[in-house]
């Protein structure tokens, strides 16, 4: 490992007292950290917990702690029967002697308890997933507050590092991304093309711990909650604004609407009969309630009559035997009230009759309202289906030439200047009828991004389409990407690039999900400064044109004299 990254660490070495690479093992153990004054002061994360100085020849334990190499080796050897720890070379520290490497390799690993609090279940961790499934998982696609520093961004997927690993040449990647890159693109580092093997990768638990401690915003629309990344999944499982699917009708709703949906709207939710309080124990789907009430009217009325009869028996006069003696002098006053009692009884009977009628009407109206609510829900689903079909038909009419209007582009530029990630996807469009379904992805690179700061990245993704089963795969053809000059000048200077499809890449295989996560295009398509020099933005709108020619008419683009430049695949 040391030999493969010597070039990457050459500039990081310090001559004289600042380097221990040429010292013997016994002498190296006597050397502590750098005892110098830093300006600005040294951050605590770069301080050795043993000697309390700046890290010299930094090494990292599996539990994510960093030490001077000499300090930790001396500490381990000085204590008998201490649980040994395996040391991992930290970034830019792999140019060590062979004896030091042998010393580190001989130590066993037993620090799992120290890392227990840094694990994240579900989507925040891939530790329990199979290797084949883990390799498909990219970084954390969430919004950080404050924005994510570029040093914690994976150069492959451009997201926050998930299960961060480090290469001998000091670069960090998502574990899944770099393993897939090695297997697909060859044994080399994607950043500097140094030789890189899977066995040379080692976990960067320090970076993992720091990333999981960063603050993120809840991704659910309308939720203002912020939390550490390690707690995001637990919050999402309880967030009232999270999207959930009804277990009965498969309708997508936000979680806080679900109880009301169950009680009033869900057409297939099991509910008791309206006459359950009178003895009907039937349960059915809400959609079948009206039919049940209609088919069982007689039995329901019989139950209602029995309930009224039981109520009358309960209100019957008490027998007069065994009654206490009474004062006969009070009889005239009681008899004086007697004429009004029949009137009260008649009024009560009339009110009871009206109450029964009104109760029956209310139940009928409730059943009708539930039926109407069901119809309205069905109509809404039909409208959504029709809207999707209209969008699909419109996408088929473009015949391989699609102009994407990106409105409110000034807002996106402001977000980019504030170092907030900006990623936009276009609607889908077809190359013809029948034809392939594609979409575009535009990414405004942050000012702190490596190699591509302040650039517009532009990619094309394949999507699942209506004609996929009738088309040859992988996709083959030529794609012309253009940012249009919207000036009124007779000669307009569009910014244009042409690329040829590479069938061996995953980006052009038949997608197995609605949108292929792998794209094909340019990380450095156009610099934002060039965007401001001409009228590429007009009325706060940017126009991006995509022209696709399948393999049958690729020559029509080649004859125009454009020469494709190298592209960035699988991003």
Foldseek 3Di string as FASTA:
>chain_A
DLVLQVVLLVVVQDPDLLADQPPDLVVLLVRAADPDADVVGDDPQQAAPQPRHGARLWKAWPLQHIHRLSPVLCVVVVDPPDQWTAIHGAASRSNHDPVSVVSNVPTDHDCVVSNPVLAAPDLLACPPPDPVVQLVDAADPFWFVVGDFQLQAAPFLRHGARQWKAARSRHIHRLSRVVVCCVQVHQADPPPRGGHDNVRIDGNNNSSSVQQQTKTAQPFPPGGDIDGNSCNVVCLVVPQRHWDAPPFQRDTDGNVCVVVCLVFAFQFRWDAAPLVVLPGGDIGGLVCNVVVCVVCVPVSVVSVVVVVVVVVVVVDDDDPPPDDDDDPVCVVVVVVCVVCVVVVVVVVVVVVVVVVVVVVVVVVVSSVVSNVSHVVVVVVVVVVVVVVVVLQVVQQPCQQKDKFKDALLVVVVVCLASVTWDKDKGDWHANHVVGWIKIKIWTQAHCSHPPAHQAIWIWMATFDDDCVVVDDPQFWWKKKKWWWFPDPDPDTDIQIAMDTDDRSAPRRGRDPHGIRSKTKFASRSDGVVVCVPGRCADNRIIMMIMGIDGPVPRVVVVVVPHDHDDIDTRD
